[in-house]
């Protein structure tokens, strides 16, 4: 079944976390599109990304088996976050540390995962290409690194990576 691509918003921005979520949710890392990377299949980009925080086999198995990307995110929460945000963290429960170079490698991990999602799922690749020259923005008020943040001037790394992948397609 072919998905009809909606019109690009008049401001030439696709705000795929909130405003334009209904039409463009496929851009989310939570979208159910399996990725095969290094011989391992992950249910979503989010599952793969979070699994890379540690090479501990039990941790990686729990992330892969997480029933949803949201559950995987809670399992992979940084234990240094307030307990409210890291209560379900595998790292907190196991008194384990995330890989020490995580802050240095997380951007490349995300690039690898997002590229795999669109290279391995041709229908999603076409939908990404169909976004044309629109600016892709994760309009999340809660994340100024991957998204636009509360003040709308965040780094928007997820949107930038999506546009990089789109230009390679």
Protein backbone atom coordinates (compact mmCIF):
# COMPACT_ATOMS: atom_id res chain seq x y z
CA UNK A 1 0.00 0.00 0.00
CA UNK A 2 1.52 3.31 -1.07
CA UNK A 3 1.54 6.11 1.50
CA UNK A 4 0.47 9.50 0.17
CA UNK A 5 3.07 12.11 1.07
CA UNK A 6 1.39 15.18 2.56
CA UNK A 7 2.15 18.65 1.35
CA UNK A 8 5.20 20.34 2.79
CA UNK A 9 4.13 23.00 5.31
CA UNK A 10 4.12 26.57 3.98
CA UNK A 11 7.10 27.54 6.18
CA UNK A 12 9.18 24.77 4.48
CA UNK A 13 9.82 23.20 7.88
CA UNK A 14 8.71 19.77 8.95
CA UNK A 15 8.37 19.74 12.73
CA UNK A 16 8.09 15.99 13.15
CA UNK A 17 7.97 15.66 16.95
CA UNK A 18 4.84 17.70 17.61
CA UNK A 19 3.32 19.95 14.96
CA UNK A 20 3.62 17.63 11.95
CA UNK A 21 3.81 14.32 13.83
CA UNK A 22 0.73 12.78 12.26
CA UNK A 23 2.13 13.00 8.72
CA UNK A 24 5.84 12.65 9.43
CA UNK A 25 6.14 10.30 12.38
CA UNK A 26 8.24 7.99 10.18
CA UNK A 27 11.13 10.40 10.79
CA UNK A 28 11.12 9.55 14.51
CA UNK A 29 13.66 7.13 15.97
CA UNK A 30 10.68 5.46 17.66
CA UNK A 31 9.12 4.54 14.30
CA UNK A 32 8.94 0.72 13.91
CA UNK A 33 11.51 0.16 11.17
CA UNK A 34 13.98 -2.64 11.95
CA UNK A 35 17.64 -1.98 11.26
CA UNK A 36 20.40 -4.53 10.69
CA UNK A 37 23.77 -3.22 11.84
CA UNK A 38 26.92 -5.28 12.42
CA UNK A 39 24.97 -8.52 12.03
CA UNK A 40 22.38 -7.60 14.67
CA UNK A 41 18.76 -6.61 14.06
CA UNK A 42 17.14 -3.93 16.20
CA UNK A 43 13.39 -3.12 16.23
CA UNK A 44 13.96 0.64 15.90
CA UNK A 45 16.73 3.20 15.58
CA UNK A 46 16.09 4.06 19.24
CA UNK A 47 16.75 0.47 20.35
CA UNK A 48 20.04 0.34 18.42
CA UNK A 49 21.18 3.77 19.61
CA UNK A 50 20.54 2.99 23.27
CA UNK A 51 22.18 -0.43 23.04
CA UNK A 52 25.44 1.24 22.06
CA UNK A 53 25.75 2.87 25.49
CA UNK A 54 27.33 -0.37 26.77
CA UNK A 55 28.78 -3.58 25.42
CA UNK A 56 27.49 -5.58 28.40
CA UNK A 57 25.59 -8.54 26.87
CA UNK A 58 22.76 -8.48 29.46
CA UNK A 59 22.19 -4.77 28.90
CA UNK A 60 22.14 -5.12 25.12
CA UNK A 61 19.75 -8.11 25.32
CA UNK A 62 17.36 -6.17 27.54
CA UNK A 63 17.41 -3.17 25.19
CA UNK A 64 16.75 -5.40 22.15
CA UNK A 65 13.89 -7.16 23.97
CA UNK A 66 12.28 -3.94 25.22
CA UNK A 67 8.62 -3.95 24.21
CA UNK A 68 8.76 -0.38 22.94
CA UNK A 69 11.34 2.28 22.13
CA UNK A 70 10.06 4.23 25.15
CA UNK A 71 10.80 1.27 27.41
CA UNK A 72 14.25 0.92 25.82
CA UNK A 73 14.84 4.63 26.51
CA UNK A 74 13.94 4.21 30.17
CA UNK A 75 16.25 1.18 30.47
CA UNK A 76 19.10 3.10 28.84
CA UNK A 77 18.67 6.26 30.91
CA UNK A 78 21.84 7.86 32.18
CA UNK A 79 22.02 6.96 35.89
CA UNK A 80 23.33 10.46 36.71
CA UNK A 81 19.95 11.94 35.74
CA UNK A 82 17.50 12.72 38.53
CA UNK A 83 15.95 9.54 39.91
CA UNK A 84 12.56 10.49 38.44
CA UNK A 85 14.09 10.20 34.94
CA UNK A 86 16.44 7.29 35.63
CA UNK A 87 14.43 5.10 38.02
CA UNK A 88 14.18 2.26 35.47
CA UNK A 89 17.76 2.62 34.24
CA UNK A 90 19.58 -0.67 33.78
CA UNK A 91 22.77 1.20 34.72
CA UNK A 92 21.26 2.42 38.00
CA UNK A 93 19.84 -1.02 38.89
CA UNK A 94 23.15 -2.74 38.16
CA UNK A 95 25.48 -0.05 39.53
CA UNK A 96 27.08 -0.02 36.08
CA UNK A 97 28.59 2.79 34.09
CA UNK A 98 27.85 3.72 30.51
CA UNK A 99 30.76 3.47 28.12
CA UNK A 100 33.23 6.24 28.98
CA UNK A 101 33.40 7.66 25.45
CA UNK A 102 29.62 7.89 24.99
CA UNK A 103 29.50 11.68 24.67
CA UNK A 104 32.19 11.53 21.98
CA UNK A 105 30.64 8.72 19.92
CA UNK A 106 26.88 9.21 20.25
CA UNK A 107 26.58 11.46 17.21
CA UNK A 108 28.26 8.91 14.92
CA UNK A 109 26.18 6.12 16.45
CA UNK A 110 23.05 8.07 15.53
CA UNK A 111 24.34 8.74 12.00
CA UNK A 112 24.93 5.02 11.51
CA UNK A 113 21.47 4.08 12.78
CA UNK A 114 19.50 6.71 10.84
CA UNK A 115 21.36 5.92 7.62
CA UNK A 116 20.63 2.20 8.09
CA UNK A 117 16.93 2.90 8.66
CA UNK A 118 16.50 4.66 5.35
CA UNK A 119 18.96 2.60 3.29
CA UNK A 120 17.31 -0.65 4.43
CA UNK A 121 13.70 0.50 4.13
CA UNK A 122 13.15 1.75 0.55
CA UNK A 123 9.60 3.00 1.16
CA UNK A 124 10.85 5.17 4.03
CA UNK A 125 13.75 6.37 1.89
CA UNK A 126 11.27 7.53 -0.75
CA UNK A 127 9.19 9.34 1.85
CA UNK A 128 12.34 11.05 3.16
CA UNK A 129 13.32 12.09 -0.37
CA UNK A 130 9.78 13.43 -0.84
CA UNK A 131 10.42 15.96 1.92
CA UNK A 132 12.39 17.83 -0.74
CA UNK A 133 14.32 20.76 0.65
CA UNK A 134 12.21 21.22 3.77
CA UNK A 135 14.11 21.81 6.97
CA UNK A 136 13.57 18.79 9.23
CA UNK A 137 13.24 19.70 12.89
CA UNK A 138 12.63 17.56 15.93
CA UNK A 139 10.49 20.15 17.69
CA UNK A 140 10.91 18.65 21.14
CA UNK A 141 10.91 21.17 23.96
CA UNK A 142 12.65 18.58 26.15
CA UNK A 143 15.79 18.11 24.08
CA UNK A 144 18.04 20.90 22.85
CA UNK A 145 20.70 18.47 21.58
CA UNK A 146 18.70 16.17 19.28
CA UNK A 147 15.86 18.65 18.88
CA UNK A 148 15.00 22.33 19.00
CA UNK A 149 14.57 22.57 22.78
CA UNK A 150 12.39 24.91 24.82
CA UNK A 151 13.75 28.07 23.21
CA UNK A 152 13.58 26.66 19.64
CA UNK A 153 17.30 27.32 19.11
CA UNK A 154 18.60 23.86 20.02
CA UNK A 155 21.16 21.96 17.98
CA UNK A 156 18.54 19.78 16.23
CA UNK A 157 21.09 17.06 15.55
CA UNK A 158 18.43 14.49 14.64
CA UNK A 159 16.93 16.82 12.04
CA UNK A 160 20.39 17.61 10.70
CA UNK A 161 21.28 13.92 10.39
CA UNK A 162 17.99 13.23 8.60
CA UNK A 163 18.79 16.01 6.11
CA UNK A 164 22.31 14.57 5.64
CA UNK A 165 20.84 11.15 4.87
CA UNK A 166 18.26 12.71 2.55
CA UNK A 167 21.01 14.43 0.56
CA UNK A 168 22.88 11.08 0.24
CA UNK A 169 19.75 9.35 -1.05
